[in-house]
C-alpha atoms as a PDB file:
ATOM      1  CA  UNK A   1      91.117-169.062 -81.186  1.00  0.00           C
ATOM      2  CA  UNK A   2      91.006-169.829 -77.297  1.00  0.00           C
ATOM      3  CA  UNK A   3      94.241-170.861 -75.986  1.00  0.00           C
ATOM      4  CA  UNK A   4      94.440-172.795 -72.560  1.00  0.00           C
ATOM      5  CA  UNK A   5      97.883-173.385 -70.922  1.00  0.00           C
ATOM      6  CA  UNK A   6      98.926-174.674 -67.605  1.00  0.00           C
ATOM      7  CA  UNK A   7     102.474-175.898 -66.265  1.00  0.00           C
ATOM      8  CA  UNK A   8     105.133-175.683 -63.971  1.00  0.00           C
ATOM      9  CA  UNK A   9     109.129-176.260 -63.656  1.00  0.00           C
ATOM     10  CA  UNK A  10     111.746-177.375 -60.878  1.00  0.00           C
ATOM     11  CA  UNK A  11     115.239-176.209 -61.097  1.00  0.00           C
ATOM     12  CA  UNK A  12     118.153-178.097 -59.085  1.00  0.00           C
ATOM     13  CA  UNK A  13     121.519-176.314 -58.312  1.00  0.00           C
ATOM     14  CA  UNK A  14     124.517-177.752 -56.743  1.00  0.00           C
ATOM     15  CA  UNK A  15     125.684-176.653 -53.256  1.00  0.00           C
ATOM     16  CA  UNK A  16     128.981-175.537 -52.374  1.00  0.00           C
ATOM     17  CA  UNK A  17     131.844-177.825 -53.550  1.00  0.00           C
ATOM     18  CA  UNK A  18     132.390-180.181 -56.589  1.00  0.00           C
ATOM     19  CA  UNK A  19     129.280-181.806 -57.938  1.00  0.00           C
ATOM     20  CA  UNK A  20     128.451-184.010 -60.923  1.00  0.00           C
ATOM     21  CA  UNK A  21     125.992-181.548 -62.304  1.00  0.00           C
ATOM     22  CA  UNK A  22     125.837-177.814 -62.793  1.00  0.00           C
ATOM     23  CA  UNK A  23     121.923-177.755 -63.255  1.00  0.00           C
ATOM     24  CA  UNK A  24     118.930-179.992 -63.767  1.00  0.00           C
ATOM     25  CA  UNK A  25     115.611-178.897 -64.738  1.00  0.00           C
ATOM     26  CA  UNK A  26     112.151-180.439 -64.831  1.00  0.00           C
ATOM     27  CA  UNK A  27     109.450-178.753 -66.408  1.00  0.00           C
ATOM     28  CA  UNK A  28     105.689-180.046 -67.397  1.00  0.00           C
ATOM     29  CA  UNK A  29     103.222-178.301 -69.488  1.00  0.00           C
ATOM     30  CA  UNK A  30      99.803-178.985 -70.811  1.00  0.00           C
ATOM     31  CA  UNK A  31      97.963-176.612 -73.451  1.00  0.00           C
ATOM     32  CA  UNK A  32      94.909-176.752 -75.676  1.00  0.00           C
ATOM     33  CA  UNK A  33      93.924-174.400 -78.845  1.00  0.00           C
ATOM     34  CA  UNK A  34      90.386-174.256 -79.911  1.00  0.00           C
ATOM     35  CA  UNK A  35      88.713-172.701 -82.729  1.00  0.00           C
ATOM     36  CA  UNK A  36      85.898-170.308 -82.489  1.00  0.00           C
ATOM     37  CA  UNK A  37      83.317-172.997 -82.986  1.00  0.00           C
ATOM     38  CA  UNK A  38      84.775-175.087 -80.111  1.00  0.00           C
ATOM     39  CA  UNK A  39      86.601-177.705 -82.010  1.00  0.00           C
ATOM     40  CA  UNK A  40      90.043-178.621 -81.258  1.00  0.00           C
ATOM     41  CA  UNK A  41      92.993-177.266 -83.318  1.00  0.00           C
ATOM     42  CA  UNK A  42      95.674-178.601 -81.271  1.00  0.00           C
ATOM     43  CA  UNK A  43      96.482-179.997 -77.767  1.00  0.00           C
ATOM     44  CA  UNK A  44      99.649-181.300 -76.184  1.00  0.00           C
ATOM     45  CA  UNK A  45     100.984-182.472 -72.988  1.00  0.00           C
ATOM     46  CA  UNK A  46     104.737-182.474 -72.477  1.00  0.00           C
ATOM     47  CA  UNK A  47     107.481-183.235 -70.001  1.00  0.00           C
ATOM     48  CA  UNK A  48     111.169-181.926 -70.285  1.00  0.00           C
ATOM     49  CA  UNK A  49     114.094-182.945 -68.363  1.00  0.00           C
ATOM     50  CA  UNK A  50     117.402-181.469 -68.973  1.00  0.00           C
ATOM     51  CA  UNK A  51     121.160-181.714 -67.451  1.00  0.00           C
ATOM     52  CA  UNK A  52     124.037-179.441 -67.595  1.00  0.00           C
ATOM     53  CA  UNK A  53     127.521-180.560 -66.347  1.00  0.00           C
ATOM     54  CA  UNK A  54     131.211-180.560 -66.958  1.00  0.00           C
ATOM     55  CA  UNK A  55     132.733-179.807 -70.311  1.00  0.00           C
ATOM     56  CA  UNK A  56     129.591-177.478 -70.929  1.00  0.00           C
ATOM     57  CA  UNK A  57     127.728-180.809 -71.460  1.00  0.00           C
ATOM     58  CA  UNK A  58     123.806-180.314 -72.135  1.00  0.00           C
ATOM     59  CA  UNK A  59     121.728-183.501 -72.405  1.00  0.00           C
ATOM     60  CA  UNK A  60     118.001-183.423 -72.564  1.00  0.00           C
ATOM     61  CA  UNK A  61     114.700-185.632 -72.946  1.00  0.00           C
ATOM     62  CA  UNK A  62     111.418-184.461 -73.643  1.00  0.00           C
ATOM     63  CA  UNK A  63     108.179-186.463 -74.249  1.00  0.00           C
ATOM     64  CA  UNK A  64     105.147-185.206 -75.710  1.00  0.00           C
ATOM     65  CA  UNK A  65     101.587-186.426 -76.103  1.00  0.00           C
ATOM     66  CA  UNK A  66      99.346-184.441 -78.497  1.00  0.00           C
ATOM     67  CA  UNK A  67      96.824-184.174 -81.152  1.00  0.00           C
ATOM     68  CA  UNK A  68      96.149-181.999 -84.015  1.00  0.00           C
ATOM     69  CA  UNK A  69      92.794-181.192 -85.982  1.00  0.00           C
ATOM     70  CA  UNK A  70      93.336-180.870 -89.696  1.00  0.00           C
ATOM     71  CA  UNK A  71      90.882-181.386 -92.532  1.00  0.00           C
ATOM     72  CA  UNK A  72      88.115-182.338 -90.394  1.00  0.00           C
ATOM     73  CA  UNK A  73      90.286-185.100 -88.729  1.00  0.00           C
ATOM     74  CA  UNK A  74      92.164-185.420 -85.592  1.00  0.00           C
ATOM     75  CA  UNK A  75      95.726-186.783 -86.028  1.00  0.00           C
ATOM     76  CA  UNK A  76      98.145-188.057 -83.076  1.00  0.00           C
ATOM     77  CA  UNK A  77     101.281-185.732 -82.487  1.00  0.00           C
ATOM     78  CA  UNK A  78     103.145-187.908 -80.059  1.00  0.00           C
ATOM     79  CA  UNK A  79     106.877-187.169 -79.732  1.00  0.00           C
ATOM     80  CA  UNK A  80     110.141-188.316 -78.365  1.00  0.00           C
ATOM     81  CA  UNK A  81     113.211-186.286 -78.508  1.00  0.00           C
ATOM     82  CA  UNK A  82     116.858-186.790 -77.334  1.00  0.00           C
ATOM     83  CA  UNK A  83     119.436-184.202 -77.430  1.00  0.00           C
ATOM     84  CA  UNK A  84     122.974-183.969 -76.442  1.00  0.00           C
ATOM     85  CA  UNK A  85     125.758-181.308 -76.868  1.00  0.00           C
ATOM     86  CA  UNK A  86     129.047-180.469 -75.548  1.00  0.00           C
ATOM     87  CA  UNK A  87     131.959-178.050 -75.846  1.00  0.00           C
ATOM     88  CA  UNK A  88     134.752-180.017 -74.382  1.00  0.00           C
ATOM     89  CA  UNK A  89     137.369-177.071 -75.299  1.00  0.00           C
ATOM     90  CA  UNK A  90     137.003-173.369 -76.263  1.00  0.00           C
ATOM     91  CA  UNK A  91     137.465-174.419 -80.110  1.00  0.00           C
ATOM     92  CA  UNK A  92     135.141-177.409 -80.326  1.00  0.00           C
ATOM     93  CA  UNK A  93     131.461-177.859 -80.180  1.00  0.00           C
ATOM     94  CA  UNK A  94     129.253-180.996 -80.887  1.00  0.00           C
ATOM     95  CA  UNK A  95     125.589-181.648 -80.920  1.00  0.00           C
ATOM     96  CA  UNK A  96     123.263-184.627 -81.688  1.00  0.00           C
ATOM     97  CA  UNK A  97     119.464-184.715 -81.868  1.00  0.00           C
ATOM     98  CA  UNK A  98     117.324-188.139 -82.264  1.00  0.00           C
ATOM     99  CA  UNK A  99     113.739-187.634 -82.740  1.00  0.00           C
ATOM    100  CA  UNK A 100     110.679-190.197 -83.192  1.00  0.00           C
ATOM    101  CA  UNK A 101     107.309-188.428 -83.796  1.00  0.00           C
ATOM    102  CA  UNK A 102     103.809-188.951 -85.314  1.00  0.00           C
ATOM    103  CA  UNK A 103     103.854-186.387 -88.318  1.00  0.00           C
ATOM    104  CA  UNK A 104     101.099-185.408 -90.652  1.00  0.00           C
ATOM    105  CA  UNK A 105     101.276-185.574 -94.647  1.00  0.00           C
ATOM    106  CA  UNK A 106      99.336-182.246 -95.203  1.00  0.00           C
ATOM    107  CA  UNK A 107      99.354-182.750 -98.840  1.00  0.00           C
ATOM    108  CA  UNK A 108      97.216-185.861 -98.435  1.00  0.00           C
ATOM    109  CA  UNK A 109      95.873-185.417 -94.956  1.00  0.00           C
ATOM    110  CA  UNK A 110      97.064-188.599 -93.521  1.00  0.00           C
ATOM    111  CA  UNK A 111      99.185-189.807 -90.394  1.00  0.00           C
ATOM    112  CA  UNK A 112     102.864-190.711 -90.834  1.00  0.00           C
ATOM    113  CA  UNK A 113     105.662-191.926 -88.589  1.00  0.00           C
ATOM    114  CA  UNK A 114     108.765-189.783 -88.480  1.00  0.00           C
ATOM    115  CA  UNK A 115     112.452-190.501 -87.495  1.00  0.00           C
ATOM    116  CA  UNK A 116     114.992-187.835 -87.485  1.00  0.00           C
ATOM    117  CA  UNK A 117     118.660-187.427 -86.842  1.00  0.00           C
ATOM    118  CA  UNK A 118     120.523-184.270 -86.482  1.00  0.00           C
ATOM    119  CA  UNK A 119     124.091-183.749 -85.972  1.00  0.00           C
ATOM    120  CA  UNK A 120     126.730-181.103 -85.992  1.00  0.00           C
ATOM    121  CA  UNK A 121     130.358-180.145 -85.590  1.00  0.00           C
ATOM    122  CA  UNK A 122     131.934-176.539 -85.007  1.00  0.00           C
ATOM    123  CA  UNK A 123     135.386-176.445 -84.863  1.00  0.00           C
ATOM    124  CA  UNK A 124     138.089-173.493 -84.860  1.00  0.00           C
ATOM    125  CA  UNK A 125     141.403-174.298 -85.959  1.00  0.00           C
ATOM    126  CA  UNK A 126     144.101-171.842 -84.987  1.00  0.00           C
ATOM    127  CA  UNK A 127     143.231-167.904 -85.205  1.00  0.00           C
ATOM    128  CA  UNK A 128     141.992-167.909 -88.803  1.00  0.00           C
ATOM    129  CA  UNK A 129     140.184-170.950 -89.976  1.00  0.00           C
ATOM    130  CA  UNK A 130     136.935-172.558 -88.759  1.00  0.00           C
ATOM    131  CA  UNK A 131     134.353-174.804 -90.137  1.00  0.00           C
ATOM    132  CA  UNK A 132     130.678-175.865 -89.469  1.00  0.00           C
ATOM    133  CA  UNK A 133     129.528-179.153 -90.577  1.00  0.00           C
ATOM    134  CA  UNK A 134     125.734-180.118 -89.921  1.00  0.00           C
ATOM    135  CA  UNK A 135     123.677-183.106 -91.149  1.00  0.00           C
ATOM    136  CA  UNK A 136     119.725-183.817 -90.852  1.00  0.00           C
ATOM    137  CA  UNK A 137     118.387-187.077 -92.131  1.00  0.00           C
ATOM    138  CA  UNK A 138     114.682-188.182 -92.040  1.00  0.00           C
ATOM    139  CA  UNK A 139     112.705-191.335 -92.764  1.00  0.00           C
ATOM    140  CA  UNK A 140     108.738-190.789 -92.693  1.00  0.00           C
ATOM    141  CA  UNK A 141     106.627-193.845 -93.064  1.00  0.00           C
ATOM    142  CA  UNK A 142     103.202-194.540 -93.935  1.00  0.00           C
ATOM    143  CA  UNK A 143     102.078-197.725 -92.078  1.00  0.00           C
ATOM    144  CA  UNK A 144     104.282-200.469 -93.088  1.00  0.00           C
ATOM    145  CA  UNK A 145     105.762-198.538 -96.457  1.00  0.00           C
ATOM    146  CA  UNK A 146     108.356-195.802 -96.606  1.00  0.00           C
ATOM    147  CA  UNK A 147     106.844-192.530 -97.762  1.00  0.00           C
ATOM    148  CA  UNK A 148     110.219-190.894 -98.235  1.00  0.00           C
ATOM    149  CA  UNK A 149     113.682-189.973 -96.901  1.00  0.00           C
ATOM    150  CA  UNK A 150     115.221-186.638 -97.133  1.00  0.00           C
ATOM    151  CA  UNK A 151     118.872-185.869 -96.148  1.00  0.00           C
ATOM    152  CA  UNK A 152     120.331-182.341 -95.890  1.00  0.00           C
ATOM    153  CA  UNK A 153     124.213-181.846 -95.581  1.00  0.00           C
ATOM    154  CA  UNK A 154     125.976-178.503 -95.167  1.00  0.00           C
ATOM    155  CA  UNK A 155     129.355-177.218 -94.735  1.00  0.00           C
ATOM    156  CA  UNK A 156     130.547-173.759 -93.928  1.00  0.00           C
ATOM    157  CA  UNK A 157     134.173-173.162 -94.358  1.00  0.00           C
ATOM    158  CA  UNK A 158     135.654-169.484 -93.117  1.00  0.00           C
ATOM    159  CA  UNK A 159     139.198-168.111 -93.101  1.00  0.00           C
ATOM    160  CA  UNK A 160     139.583-164.796 -91.383  1.00  0.00           C
ATOM    161  CA  UNK A 161     142.521-162.653 -92.915  1.00  0.00           C
ATOM    162  CA  UNK A 162     141.889-159.848 -90.821  1.00  0.00           C
ATOM    163  CA  UNK A 163     139.305-158.519 -88.445  1.00  0.00           C
ATOM    164  CA  UNK A 164     137.511-156.867 -91.479  1.00  0.00           C
ATOM    165  CA  UNK A 165     138.258-159.237 -94.208  1.00  0.00           C
ATOM    166  CA  UNK A 166     137.368-162.999 -94.597  1.00  0.00           C
ATOM    167  CA  UNK A 167     136.758-165.570 -97.127  1.00  0.00           C
ATOM    168  CA  UNK A 168     133.697-168.106 -96.641  1.00  0.00           C
ATOM    169  CA  UNK A 169     132.381-171.097 -98.704  1.00  0.00           C
ATOM    170  CA  UNK A 170     129.348-172.676 -98.274  1.00  0.00           C
ATOM    171  CA  UNK A 171     128.188-176.104 -99.427  1.00  0.00           C
ATOM    172  CA  UNK A 172     124.804-177.654 -99.170  1.00  0.00           C
ATOM    173  CA  UNK A 173     123.602-181.234-100.643  1.00  0.00           C
ATOM    174  CA  UNK A 174     120.071-181.662-100.511  1.00  0.00           C
ATOM    175  CA  UNK A 175     118.612-185.270-101.265  1.00  0.00           C
ATOM    176  CA  UNK A 176     114.744-186.385-101.265  1.00  0.00           C
ATOM    177  CA  UNK A 177     113.695-189.923-102.311  1.00  0.00           C
ATOM    178  CA  UNK A 178     110.064-190.295-102.690  1.00  0.00           C
ATOM    179  CA  UNK A 179     107.751-193.467-103.123  1.00  0.00           C
ATOM    180  CA  UNK A 180     105.845-191.763-105.820  1.00  0.00           C
ATOM    181  CA  UNK A 181     102.919-194.240-106.027  1.00  0.00           C
ATOM    182  CA  UNK A 182     101.686-193.279-102.588  1.00  0.00           C
ATOM    183  CA  UNK A 183     100.941-189.862-103.671  1.00  0.00           C
ATOM    184  CA  UNK A 184      97.700-189.174-105.491  1.00  0.00           C
ATOM    185  CA  UNK A 185      99.104-186.447-107.706  1.00  0.00           C
ATOM    186  CA  UNK A 186     102.002-186.721-109.953  1.00  0.00           C
ATOM    187  CA  UNK A 187     105.165-186.794-107.925  1.00  0.00           C
ATOM    188  CA  UNK A 188     108.823-187.297-108.657  1.00  0.00           C
ATOM    189  CA  UNK A 189     110.959-190.129-107.255  1.00  0.00           C
ATOM    190  CA  UNK A 190     113.997-188.320-106.690  1.00  0.00           C
ATOM    191  CA  UNK A 191     115.259-184.805-106.216  1.00  0.00           C
ATOM    192  CA  UNK A 192     118.910-183.983-105.539  1.00  0.00           C
ATOM    193  CA  UNK A 193     120.793-180.717-105.957  1.00  0.00           C
ATOM    194  CA  UNK A 194     124.204-179.249-104.645  1.00  0.00           C
ATOM    195  CA  UNK A 195     124.386-175.690-103.825  1.00  0.00           C
ATOM    196  CA  UNK A 196     127.301-173.424-103.719  1.00  0.00           C
ATOM    197  CA  UNK A 197     128.129-170.061-102.408  1.00  0.00           C
ATOM    198  CA  UNK A 198     131.517-168.354-102.084  1.00  0.00           C
ATOM    199  CA  UNK A 199     131.930-164.787-100.031  1.00  0.00           C
ATOM    200  CA  UNK A 200     135.080-162.619 -99.974  1.00  0.00           C
END
């Protein structure tokens, strides 16, 4: 493969005294990957703007414009991502991501539209107990029809007895809901499962 890339970035840091930001960064980049025969495998142009401020806040927006070659076709790969996270205290951390993007259904070689939400909450309670909760929910559309929805929820709960001994419980729930008639092969409509693990 041949790989071509060009880009640049700029960072702003506050001067002396109080400021409404700790760091701001802007980055732009473009790249193209070609096969040996010169055909396009992937190309992308993107811009990224991030902000860091009080309470360890980090906010980011990125915009991508791209294309990908697959199965003799070229597919759009545009993407918009919004991110925010913060740590208001030493024991608490939150994050959220919202993503809109052009996707590819590689099984059927067709263009899709994807909306994804990701969120998480990590918390320490006292000196011994902590938990980590996370959720991802994704919706994929094929034109005006919904291709599938997928959800993944997980929770990790830890109790620290001593520096060398702890108990941990992990729960993970997976839920896939497909529109089976939009697939050529035999496809199930729904898949759900709950996974558990306990460590001591």
